[in-house]
Amino acid sequence: MKARKFDQTFDAGKGVAAALDMSRAKRLNQEQKRVNVDFPAWMIASLDREASRLGVTRQSIIKVWLAERLQQTASGKTI
């Protein structure tokens, strides 16, 4: 499907998913990269308690908190 036809179909509110090759789709800036970080034992214990309270993994809570802090920093809001 040519770009013009794709745009017209999309703008008309019709489905365009069949025209997409999802096998090659990528989410930009979402690739994973492994890092190792050493934390003091007290910090791991605190992370585990909070993760347990929220029903998530330690890794999940670290990712969420880091993402929140990075967004705050990027928007100019600092604690």
PDB file of N, CA and C in Angstrom:
ATOM      1  N   MET A   1       0.849  -1.168   0.000  1.00  0.00           N
ATOM      2  CA  MET A   1       0.000   0.000   0.000  1.00  0.00           C
ATOM      3  C   MET A   1       0.899   1.236   0.000  1.00  0.00           C
ATOM      4  N   LYS A   2       0.622   2.159  -0.859  1.00  0.00           N
ATOM      5  CA  LYS A   2       1.379   3.410  -0.947  1.00  0.00           C
ATOM      6  C   LYS A   2       1.028   4.303   0.239  1.00  0.00           C
ATOM      7  N   ALA A   3       1.929   5.186   0.593  1.00  0.00           N
ATOM      8  CA  ALA A   3       1.766   6.053   1.763  1.00  0.00           C
ATOM      9  C   ALA A   3       0.493   6.887   1.676  1.00  0.00           C
ATOM     10  N   ARG A   4       0.200   7.431   0.502  1.00  0.00           N
ATOM     11  CA  ARG A   4      -1.001   8.274   0.352  1.00  0.00           C
ATOM     12  C   ARG A   4      -2.266   7.471   0.656  1.00  0.00           C
ATOM     13  N   LYS A   5      -2.340   6.248   0.110  1.00  0.00           N
ATOM     14  CA  LYS A   5      -3.499   5.373   0.336  1.00  0.00           C
ATOM     15  C   LYS A   5      -3.580   4.979   1.815  1.00  0.00           C
ATOM     16  N   PHE A   6      -2.410   4.690   2.404  1.00  0.00           N
ATOM     17  CA  PHE A   6      -2.353   4.348   3.829  1.00  0.00           C
ATOM     18  C   PHE A   6      -2.921   5.492   4.663  1.00  0.00           C
ATOM     19  N   ASP A   7      -2.457   6.730   4.392  1.00  0.00           N
ATOM     20  CA  ASP A   7      -2.933   7.900   5.130  1.00  0.00           C
ATOM     21  C   ASP A   7      -4.427   8.109   4.953  1.00  0.00           C
ATOM     22  N   GLN A   8      -4.913   7.960   3.727  1.00  0.00           N
ATOM     23  CA  GLN A   8      -6.346   8.138   3.474  1.00  0.00           C
ATOM     24  C   GLN A   8      -7.168   7.100   4.230  1.00  0.00           C
ATOM     25  N   THR A   9      -6.705   5.862   4.197  1.00  0.00           N
ATOM     26  CA  THR A   9      -7.407   4.784   4.894  1.00  0.00           C
ATOM     27  C   THR A   9      -7.424   5.050   6.394  1.00  0.00           C
ATOM     28  N   PHE A  10      -6.269   5.432   6.936  1.00  0.00           N
ATOM     29  CA  PHE A  10      -6.176   5.725   8.370  1.00  0.00           C
ATOM     30  C   PHE A  10      -7.069   6.906   8.741  1.00  0.00           C
ATOM     31  N   ASP A  11      -6.984   7.981   7.961  1.00  0.00           N
ATOM     32  CA  ASP A  11      -7.785   9.179   8.246  1.00  0.00           C
ATOM     33  C   ASP A  11      -9.279   8.911   8.156  1.00  0.00           C
ATOM     34  N   ALA A  12      -9.659   7.934   7.364  1.00  0.00           N
ATOM     35  CA  ALA A  12     -11.068   7.568   7.240  1.00  0.00           C
ATOM     36  C   ALA A  12     -11.530   6.695   8.403  1.00  0.00           C
ATOM     37  N   GLY A  13     -10.599   6.354   9.279  1.00  0.00           N
ATOM     38  CA  GLY A  13     -10.954   5.560  10.445  1.00  0.00           C
ATOM     39  C   GLY A  13     -11.025   4.069  10.169  1.00  0.00           C
ATOM     40  N   LYS A  14     -10.494   3.676   9.032  1.00  0.00           N
ATOM     41  CA  LYS A  14     -10.507   2.258   8.683  1.00  0.00           C
ATOM     42  C   LYS A  14      -9.239   1.592   9.203  1.00  0.00           C
ATOM     43  N   GLY A  15      -9.280   0.283   9.335  1.00  0.00           N
ATOM     44  CA  GLY A  15      -8.139  -0.473   9.831  1.00  0.00           C
ATOM     45  C   GLY A  15      -6.989  -0.496   8.835  1.00  0.00           C
ATOM     46  N   VAL A  16      -5.779  -0.295   9.334  1.00  0.00           N
ATOM     47  CA  VAL A  16      -4.591  -0.330   8.480  1.00  0.00           C
ATOM     48  C   VAL A  16      -3.618  -1.408   8.941  1.00  0.00           C
ATOM     49  N   ALA A  17      -3.972  -2.148   9.969  1.00  0.00           N
ATOM     50  CA  ALA A  17      -3.062  -3.136  10.546  1.00  0.00           C
ATOM     51  C   ALA A  17      -2.645  -4.194   9.529  1.00  0.00           C
ATOM     52  N   ALA A  18      -3.526  -4.568   8.636  1.00  0.00           N
ATOM     53  CA  ALA A  18      -3.195  -5.589   7.647  1.00  0.00           C
ATOM     54  C   ALA A  18      -2.101  -5.117   6.691  1.00  0.00           C
ATOM     55  N   ALA A  19      -1.930  -3.815   6.556  1.00  0.00           N
ATOM     56  CA  ALA A  19      -0.926  -3.263   5.647  1.00  0.00           C
ATOM     57  C   ALA A  19       0.446  -3.148   6.310  1.00  0.00           C
ATOM     58  N   LEU A  20       0.526  -3.451   7.585  1.00  0.00           N
ATOM     59  CA  LEU A  20       1.779  -3.302   8.316  1.00  0.00           C
ATOM     60  C   LEU A  20       2.481  -4.639   8.480  1.00  0.00           C
ATOM     61  N   ASP A  21       3.797  -4.622   8.370  1.00  0.00           N
ATOM     62  CA  ASP A  21       4.618  -5.807   8.611  1.00  0.00           C
ATOM     63  C   ASP A  21       5.099  -5.743  10.055  1.00  0.00           C
ATOM     64  N   MET A  22       4.342  -6.305  10.980  1.00  0.00           N
ATOM     65  CA  MET A  22       4.648  -6.212  12.407  1.00  0.00           C
ATOM     66  C   MET A  22       5.844  -7.063  12.811  1.00  0.00           C
ATOM     67  N   SER A  23       6.287  -7.971  11.933  1.00  0.00           N
ATOM     68  CA  SER A  23       7.433  -8.811  12.269  1.00  0.00           C
ATOM     69  C   SER A  23       8.721  -7.999  12.353  1.00  0.00           C
ATOM     70  N   ARG A  24       8.733  -6.836  11.735  1.00  0.00           N
ATOM     71  CA  ARG A  24       9.924  -5.991  11.764  1.00  0.00           C
ATOM     72  C   ARG A  24       9.721  -4.726  12.584  1.00  0.00           C
ATOM     73  N   ALA A  25       8.599  -4.618  13.262  1.00  0.00           N
ATOM     74  CA  ALA A  25       8.303  -3.428  14.060  1.00  0.00           C
ATOM     75  C   ALA A  25       9.212  -3.363  15.278  1.00  0.00           C
ATOM     76  N   LYS A  26       9.608  -2.162  15.640  1.00  0.00           N
ATOM     77  CA  LYS A  26      10.453  -1.945  16.812  1.00  0.00           C
ATOM     78  C   LYS A  26       9.932  -0.752  17.589  1.00  0.00           C
ATOM     79  N   ARG A  27      10.089  -0.811  18.886  1.00  0.00           N
ATOM     80  CA  ARG A  27       9.780   0.337  19.732  1.00  0.00           C
ATOM     81  C   ARG A  27      11.084   1.085  19.950  1.00  0.00           C
ATOM     82  N   LEU A  28      11.148   2.284  19.470  1.00  0.00           N
ATOM     83  CA  LEU A  28      12.366   3.064  19.570  1.00  0.00           C
ATOM     84  C   LEU A  28      12.743   3.333  21.020  1.00  0.00           C
ATOM     85  N   ASN A  29      14.013   3.276  21.288  1.00  0.00           N
ATOM     86  CA  ASN A  29      14.572   3.534  22.623  1.00  0.00           C
ATOM     87  C   ASN A  29      14.024   2.594  23.694  1.00  0.00           C
ATOM     88  N   GLN A  30      13.571   1.412  23.313  1.00  0.00           N
ATOM     89  CA  GLN A  30      13.036   0.469  24.280  1.00  0.00           C
ATOM     90  C   GLN A  30      13.846  -0.824  24.357  1.00  0.00           C
ATOM     91  N   GLU A  31      14.950  -0.898  23.624  1.00  0.00           N
ATOM     92  CA  GLU A  31      15.746  -2.114  23.691  1.00  0.00           C
ATOM     93  C   GLU A  31      16.338  -2.248  25.089  1.00  0.00           C
ATOM     94  N   GLN A  32      16.492  -3.474  25.506  1.00  0.00           N
ATOM     95  CA  GLN A  32      16.989  -3.756  26.848  1.00  0.00           C
ATOM     96  C   GLN A  32      18.509  -3.834  26.854  1.00  0.00           C
ATOM     97  N   LYS A  33      19.103  -3.350  27.916  1.00  0.00           N
ATOM     98  CA  LYS A  33      20.535  -3.468  28.115  1.00  0.00           C
ATOM     99  C   LYS A  33      20.755  -3.810  29.578  1.00  0.00           C
ATOM    100  N   ARG A  34      21.500  -4.861  29.817  1.00  0.00           N
ATOM    101  CA  ARG A  34      21.726  -5.328  31.180  1.00  0.00           C
ATOM    102  C   ARG A  34      22.836  -4.504  31.838  1.00  0.00           C
ATOM    103  N   VAL A  35      22.587  -4.122  33.083  1.00  0.00           N
ATOM    104  CA  VAL A  35      23.596  -3.436  33.892  1.00  0.00           C
ATOM    105  C   VAL A  35      23.651  -4.103  35.259  1.00  0.00           C
ATOM    106  N   ASN A  36      24.783  -4.016  35.886  1.00  0.00           N
ATOM    107  CA  ASN A  36      24.943  -4.531  37.241  1.00  0.00           C
ATOM    108  C   ASN A  36      25.165  -3.355  38.174  1.00  0.00           C
ATOM    109  N   VAL A  37      24.424  -3.322  39.253  1.00  0.00           N
ATOM    110  CA  VAL A  37      24.544  -2.250  40.234  1.00  0.00           C
ATOM    111  C   VAL A  37      24.655  -2.889  41.607  1.00  0.00           C
ATOM    112  N   ASP A  38      25.609  -2.435  42.385  1.00  0.00           N
ATOM    113  CA  ASP A  38      25.765  -2.926  43.753  1.00  0.00           C
ATOM    114  C   ASP A  38      25.040  -1.979  44.705  1.00  0.00           C
ATOM    115  N   PHE A  39      24.165  -2.540  45.554  1.00  0.00           N
ATOM    116  CA  PHE A  39      23.431  -1.774  46.549  1.00  0.00           C
ATOM    117  C   PHE A  39      23.815  -2.271  47.929  1.00  0.00           C
ATOM    118  N   PRO A  40      23.801  -1.397  48.920  1.00  0.00           N
ATOM    119  CA  PRO A  40      24.024  -1.860  50.294  1.00  0.00           C
ATOM    120  C   PRO A  40      22.870  -2.779  50.728  1.00  0.00           C
ATOM    121  N   ALA A  41      23.161  -3.673  51.655  1.00  0.00           N
ATOM    122  CA  ALA A  41      22.164  -4.648  52.112  1.00  0.00           C
ATOM    123  C   ALA A  41      20.903  -3.981  52.643  1.00  0.00           C
ATOM    124  N   TRP A  42      21.044  -2.869  53.379  1.00  0.00           N
ATOM    125  CA  TRP A  42      19.863  -2.189  53.928  1.00  0.00           C
ATOM    126  C   TRP A  42      18.959  -1.680  52.807  1.00  0.00           C
ATOM    127  N   MET A  43      19.550  -1.259  51.690  1.00  0.00           N
ATOM    128  CA  MET A  43      18.761  -0.745  50.581  1.00  0.00           C
ATOM    129  C   MET A  43      18.002  -1.877  49.885  1.00  0.00           C
ATOM    130  N   ILE A  44      18.650  -3.022  49.739  1.00  0.00           N
ATOM    131  CA  ILE A  44      17.986  -4.189  49.156  1.00  0.00           C
ATOM    132  C   ILE A  44      16.815  -4.614  50.026  1.00  0.00           C
ATOM    133  N   ALA A  45      17.014  -4.616  51.326  1.00  0.00           N
ATOM    134  CA  ALA A  45      15.936  -4.990  52.243  1.00  0.00           C
ATOM    135  C   ALA A  45      14.762  -4.018  52.112  1.00  0.00           C
ATOM    136  N   SER A  46      15.055  -2.739  52.025  1.00  0.00           N
ATOM    137  CA  SER A  46      13.993  -1.737  51.877  1.00  0.00           C
ATOM    138  C   SER A  46      13.274  -1.889  50.537  1.00  0.00           C
ATOM    139  N   LEU A  47      14.038  -2.120  49.481  1.00  0.00           N
ATOM    140  CA  LEU A  47      13.433  -2.337  48.168  1.00  0.00           C
ATOM    141  C   LEU A  47      12.536  -3.567  48.179  1.00  0.00           C
ATOM    142  N   ASP A  48      13.006  -4.640  48.804  1.00  0.00           N
ATOM    143  CA  ASP A  48      12.221  -5.878  48.863  1.00  0.00           C
ATOM    144  C   ASP A  48      10.930  -5.683  49.655  1.00  0.00           C
ATOM    145  N   ARG A  49      10.999  -4.947  50.755  1.00  0.00           N
ATOM    146  CA  ARG A  49       9.782  -4.682  51.539  1.00  0.00           C
ATOM    147  C   ARG A  49       8.767  -3.889  50.714  1.00  0.00           C
ATOM    148  N   GLU A  50       9.233  -2.851  50.051  1.00  0.00           N
ATOM    149  CA  GLU A  50       8.323  -2.025  49.258  1.00  0.00           C
ATOM    150  C   GLU A  50       7.780  -2.803  48.059  1.00  0.00           C
ATOM    151  N   ALA A  51       8.627  -3.572  47.418  1.00  0.00           N
ATOM    152  CA  ALA A  51       8.178  -4.385  46.287  1.00  0.00           C
ATOM    153  C   ALA A  51       7.127  -5.398  46.737  1.00  0.00           C
ATOM    154  N   SER A  52       7.352  -6.028  47.884  1.00  0.00           N
ATOM    155  CA  SER A  52       6.396  -6.990  48.421  1.00  0.00           C
ATOM    156  C   SER A  52       5.077  -6.313  48.750  1.00  0.00           C
ATOM    157  N   ARG A  53       5.153  -5.149  49.345  1.00  0.00           N
ATOM    158  CA  ARG A  53       3.943  -4.393  49.697  1.00  0.00           C
ATOM    159  C   ARG A  53       3.117  -4.072  48.455  1.00  0.00           C
ATOM    160  N   LEU A  54       3.805  -3.732  47.353  1.00  0.00           N
ATOM    161  CA  LEU A  54       3.118  -3.379  46.116  1.00  0.00           C
ATOM    162  C   LEU A  54       2.794  -4.590  45.244  1.00  0.00           C
ATOM    163  N   GLY A  55       3.361  -5.751  45.592  1.00  0.00           N
ATOM    164  CA  GLY A  55       3.109  -6.959  44.818  1.00  0.00           C
ATOM    165  C   GLY A  55       3.838  -6.988  43.492  1.00  0.00           C
ATOM    166  N   VAL A  56       5.043  -6.401  43.465  1.00  0.00           N
ATOM    167  CA  VAL A  56       5.852  -6.395  42.248  1.00  0.00           C
ATOM    168  C   VAL A  56       7.246  -6.930  42.576  1.00  0.00           C
ATOM    169  N   THR A  57       8.061  -7.109  41.562  1.00  0.00           N
ATOM    170  CA  THR A  57       9.421  -7.580  41.793  1.00  0.00           C
ATOM    171  C   THR A  57      10.344  -6.423  42.154  1.00  0.00           C
ATOM    172  N   ARG A  58      11.474  -6.755  42.725  1.00  0.00           N
ATOM    173  CA  ARG A  58      12.486  -5.753  43.045  1.00  0.00           C
ATOM    174  C   ARG A  58      12.902  -5.009  41.774  1.00  0.00           C
ATOM    175  N   GLN A  59      13.122  -5.754  40.715  1.00  0.00           N
ATOM    176  CA  GLN A  59      13.538  -5.140  39.457  1.00  0.00           C
ATOM    177  C   GLN A  59      12.489  -4.142  38.963  1.00  0.00           C
ATOM    178  N   SER A  60      11.227  -4.504  39.077  1.00  0.00           N
ATOM    179  CA  SER A  60      10.156  -3.617  38.621  1.00  0.00           C
ATOM    180  C   SER A  60      10.136  -2.308  39.391  1.00  0.00           C
ATOM    181  N   ILE A  61      10.267  -2.396  40.701  1.00  0.00           N
ATOM    182  CA  ILE A  61      10.209  -1.169  41.495  1.00  0.00           C
ATOM    183  C   ILE A  61      11.419  -0.281  41.219  1.00  0.00           C
ATOM    184  N   ILE A  62      12.575  -0.884  41.002  1.00  0.00           N
ATOM    185  CA  ILE A  62      13.765  -0.095  40.661  1.00  0.00           C
ATOM    186  C   ILE A  62      13.554   0.619  39.329  1.00  0.00           C
ATOM    187  N   LYS A  63      13.030  -0.090  38.339  1.00  0.00           N
ATOM    188  CA  LYS A  63      12.789   0.515  37.028  1.00  0.00           C
ATOM    189  C   LYS A  63      11.791   1.668  37.120  1.00  0.00           C
ATOM    190  N   VAL A  64      10.700   1.446  37.840  1.00  0.00           N
ATOM    191  CA  VAL A  64       9.662   2.475  37.956  1.00  0.00           C
ATOM    192  C   VAL A  64      10.215   3.708  38.669  1.00  0.00           C
ATOM    193  N   TRP A  65      10.903   3.500  39.781  1.00  0.00           N
ATOM    194  CA  TRP A  65      11.431   4.636  40.526  1.00  0.00           C
ATOM    195  C   TRP A  65      12.484   5.393  39.740  1.00  0.00           C
ATOM    196  N   LEU A  66      13.340   4.680  39.034  1.00  0.00           N
ATOM    197  CA  LEU A  66      14.342   5.362  38.217  1.00  0.00           C
ATOM    198  C   LEU A  66      13.683   6.141  37.082  1.00  0.00           C
ATOM    199  N   ALA A  67      12.686   5.544  36.444  1.00  0.00           N
ATOM    200  CA  ALA A  67      11.984   6.231  35.358  1.00  0.00           C
ATOM    201  C   ALA A  67      11.301   7.494  35.868  1.00  0.00           C
ATOM    202  N   GLU A  68      10.651   7.405  37.044  1.00  0.00           N
ATOM    203  CA  GLU A  68       9.995   8.577  37.621  1.00  0.00           C
ATOM    204  C   GLU A  68      11.006   9.685  37.899  1.00  0.00           C
ATOM    205  N   ARG A  69      12.135   9.320  38.464  1.00  0.00           N
ATOM    206  CA  ARG A  69      13.160  10.314  38.790  1.00  0.00           C
ATOM    207  C   ARG A  69      13.741  10.951  37.529  1.00  0.00           C
ATOM    208  N   LEU A  70      13.983  10.140  36.504  1.00  0.00           N
ATOM    209  CA  LEU A  70      14.509  10.675  35.256  1.00  0.00           C
ATOM    210  C   LEU A  70      13.514  11.620  34.589  1.00  0.00           C
ATOM    211  N   GLN A  71      12.217  11.294  34.665  1.00  0.00           N
ATOM    212  CA  GLN A  71      11.187  12.176  34.105  1.00  0.00           C
ATOM    213  C   GLN A  71      11.126  13.493  34.875  1.00  0.00           C
ATOM    214  N   GLN A  72      11.223  13.413  36.205  1.00  0.00           N
ATOM    215  CA  GLN A  72      11.244  14.631  37.010  1.00  0.00           C
ATOM    216  C   GLN A  72      12.432  15.512  36.651  1.00  0.00           C
ATOM    217  N   THR A  73      13.577  14.894  36.518  1.00  0.00           N
ATOM    218  CA  THR A  73      14.798  15.633  36.184  1.00  0.00           C
ATOM    219  C   THR A  73      14.675  16.264  34.802  1.00  0.00           C
ATOM    220  N   ALA A  74      14.142  15.516  33.848  1.00  0.00           N
ATOM    221  CA  ALA A  74      14.002  16.024  32.483  1.00  0.00           C
ATOM    222  C   ALA A  74      13.021  17.189  32.401  1.00  0.00           C
ATOM    223  N   SER A  75      12.006  17.167  33.267  1.00  0.00           N
ATOM    224  CA  SER A  75      11.015  18.240  33.251  1.00  0.00           C
ATOM    225  C   SER A  75      11.428  19.427  34.118  1.00  0.00           C
ATOM    226  N   GLY A  76      12.587  19.326  34.738  1.00  0.00           N
ATOM    227  CA  GLY A  76      13.093  20.432  35.550  1.00  0.00           C
ATOM    228  C   GLY A  76      12.623  20.420  36.989  1.00  0.00           C
ATOM    229  N   LYS A  77      11.855  19.415  37.355  1.00  0.00           N
ATOM    230  CA  LYS A  77      11.374  19.299  38.739  1.00  0.00           C
ATOM    231  C   LYS A  77      12.359  18.473  39.528  1.00  0.00           C
ATOM    232  N   THR A  78      12.902  19.041  40.566  1.00  0.00           N
ATOM    233  CA  THR A  78      13.815  18.285  41.417  1.00  0.00           C
ATOM    234  C   THR A  78      13.263  18.238  42.827  1.00  0.00           C
ATOM    235  N   ILE A  79      13.652  17.227  43.536  1.00  0.00           N
ATOM    236  CA  ILE A  79      13.158  17.035  44.899  1.00  0.00           C
ATOM    237  C   ILE A  79      13.998  17.869  45.859  1.00  0.00           C
TER     238      ILE A  79
END
